[in-house]
């Protein structure tokens, strides 16, 4: 099974990308100029992901709190997500889900 999704990718100087899945690219752009739009409508979940490859492609897994803190200089999950959304690059990416191996994200 595969689908297309959007993600905002924050490329760090630590050679490790963090990303969040975005519900709707148009809504993300509206949110950037209108902070009254609830963040819950912009992201698919309040999770930050990284991959086993260190880039934004590969098997996606939840990033550890320590990784998030080291890369984004905050322990506050909402602030970290907002930083990724504001400073990250929006990418349209195919996502494949394999029940045995999890969710995989590839670049376009």
Protein backbone atom coordinates (compact mmCIF):
# COMPACT_ATOMS: atom_id res chain seq x y z
CA UNK A 1 0.00 0.00 0.00
CA UNK A 2 1.38 3.44 -0.83
CA UNK A 3 0.16 7.02 -0.70
CA UNK A 4 1.50 10.52 -1.03
CA UNK A 5 1.98 12.71 1.99
CA UNK A 6 3.68 15.97 2.85
CA UNK A 7 6.37 16.42 5.42
CA UNK A 8 8.33 19.36 6.69
CA UNK A 9 12.02 18.47 6.93
CA UNK A 10 14.47 20.30 9.19
CA UNK A 11 18.02 19.73 7.99
CA UNK A 12 20.45 20.06 10.88
CA UNK A 13 24.15 20.76 10.98
CA UNK A 14 24.48 17.43 12.83
CA UNK A 15 23.83 15.47 9.60
CA UNK A 16 20.50 14.27 10.93
CA UNK A 17 17.16 15.37 9.54
CA UNK A 18 14.03 15.65 11.66
CA UNK A 19 10.57 15.84 10.15
CA UNK A 20 6.86 15.97 10.91
CA UNK A 21 4.04 14.81 8.71
CA UNK A 22 1.83 17.63 7.48
CA UNK A 23 -1.92 17.16 7.10
CA UNK A 24 -2.30 19.59 4.20
CA UNK A 25 0.32 21.72 2.42
CA UNK A 26 -2.09 24.61 1.80
CA UNK A 27 -3.11 24.67 5.45
CA UNK A 28 0.55 24.75 6.51
CA UNK A 29 1.11 27.84 4.38
CA UNK A 30 -1.99 29.50 5.88
CA UNK A 31 -0.83 28.59 9.41
CA UNK A 32 2.53 30.27 8.79
CA UNK A 33 0.75 33.60 8.34
CA UNK A 34 -2.17 32.98 10.72
CA UNK A 35 -1.14 31.58 14.09
CA UNK A 36 -4.80 31.29 15.18
CA UNK A 37 -5.07 28.06 13.16
CA UNK A 38 -4.62 25.21 15.67
CA UNK A 39 -1.40 23.26 15.22
CA UNK A 40 -3.43 20.05 15.50
CA UNK A 41 -5.04 20.88 12.14
CA UNK A 42 -1.64 21.30 10.48
CA UNK A 43 0.26 18.17 11.54
CA UNK A 44 -0.89 14.57 11.29
CA UNK A 45 0.39 13.84 14.81
CA UNK A 46 2.44 15.49 17.53
CA UNK A 47 5.39 13.24 16.76
CA UNK A 48 8.79 14.16 15.36
CA UNK A 49 10.50 11.58 13.20
CA UNK A 50 13.97 10.70 12.04
CA UNK A 51 15.18 7.76 9.95
CA UNK A 52 17.68 4.97 10.20
CA UNK A 53 19.73 6.66 7.47
CA UNK A 54 20.01 10.05 9.19
CA UNK A 55 18.34 11.78 6.24
CA UNK A 56 14.62 12.28 5.55
CA UNK A 57 14.46 9.05 3.51
CA UNK A 58 14.41 5.54 4.92
CA UNK A 59 12.48 3.83 7.70
CA UNK A 60 10.75 6.50 9.77
CA UNK A 61 10.76 6.20 13.54
CA UNK A 62 9.97 8.58 16.37
CA UNK A 63 12.98 10.68 17.28
CA UNK A 64 14.12 10.45 20.88
CA UNK A 65 13.65 13.42 23.19
CA UNK A 66 17.45 13.65 23.47
CA UNK A 67 17.85 13.82 19.68
CA UNK A 68 15.16 16.50 19.43
CA UNK A 69 16.80 18.50 22.22
CA UNK A 70 20.29 18.18 20.70
CA UNK A 71 19.21 19.25 17.22
CA UNK A 72 16.51 21.82 17.96
CA UNK A 73 17.78 23.17 21.31
CA UNK A 74 14.44 22.70 23.05
CA UNK A 75 12.71 20.08 25.19
CA UNK A 76 9.28 21.53 24.41
CA UNK A 77 7.62 19.35 21.76
CA UNK A 78 5.25 22.09 20.51
CA UNK A 79 8.16 24.52 20.05
CA UNK A 80 10.18 21.82 18.28
CA UNK A 81 7.32 21.03 15.88
CA UNK A 82 6.76 24.72 15.16
CA UNK A 83 10.48 25.18 14.44
CA UNK A 84 10.41 22.28 11.98
CA UNK A 85 7.32 23.69 10.27
CA UNK A 86 8.68 27.24 10.04
CA UNK A 87 12.33 26.50 9.20
CA UNK A 88 11.88 23.17 7.45
CA UNK A 89 11.43 22.43 3.79
CA UNK A 90 8.04 21.11 2.66
CA UNK A 91 8.46 17.93 0.66
CA UNK A 92 5.84 15.87 -1.16
CA UNK A 93 6.81 12.26 -0.64
CA UNK A 94 5.45 8.82 -1.37
CA UNK A 95 5.01 6.74 1.77
CA UNK A 96 4.93 2.97 1.81
CA UNK A 97 3.64 1.02 4.78
CA UNK A 98 4.75 -2.56 5.26
CA UNK A 99 3.15 -4.14 8.33
CA UNK A 100 6.27 -6.20 9.00
CA UNK A 101 8.75 -3.32 8.66
CA UNK A 102 6.87 -0.12 9.42
CA UNK A 103 6.51 3.11 7.48
CA UNK A 104 9.09 4.02 4.84
CA UNK A 105 9.51 7.46 3.36
CA UNK A 106 11.22 8.06 0.06
CA UNK A 107 12.29 11.25 -1.63
CA UNK A 108 10.75 12.56 -4.83
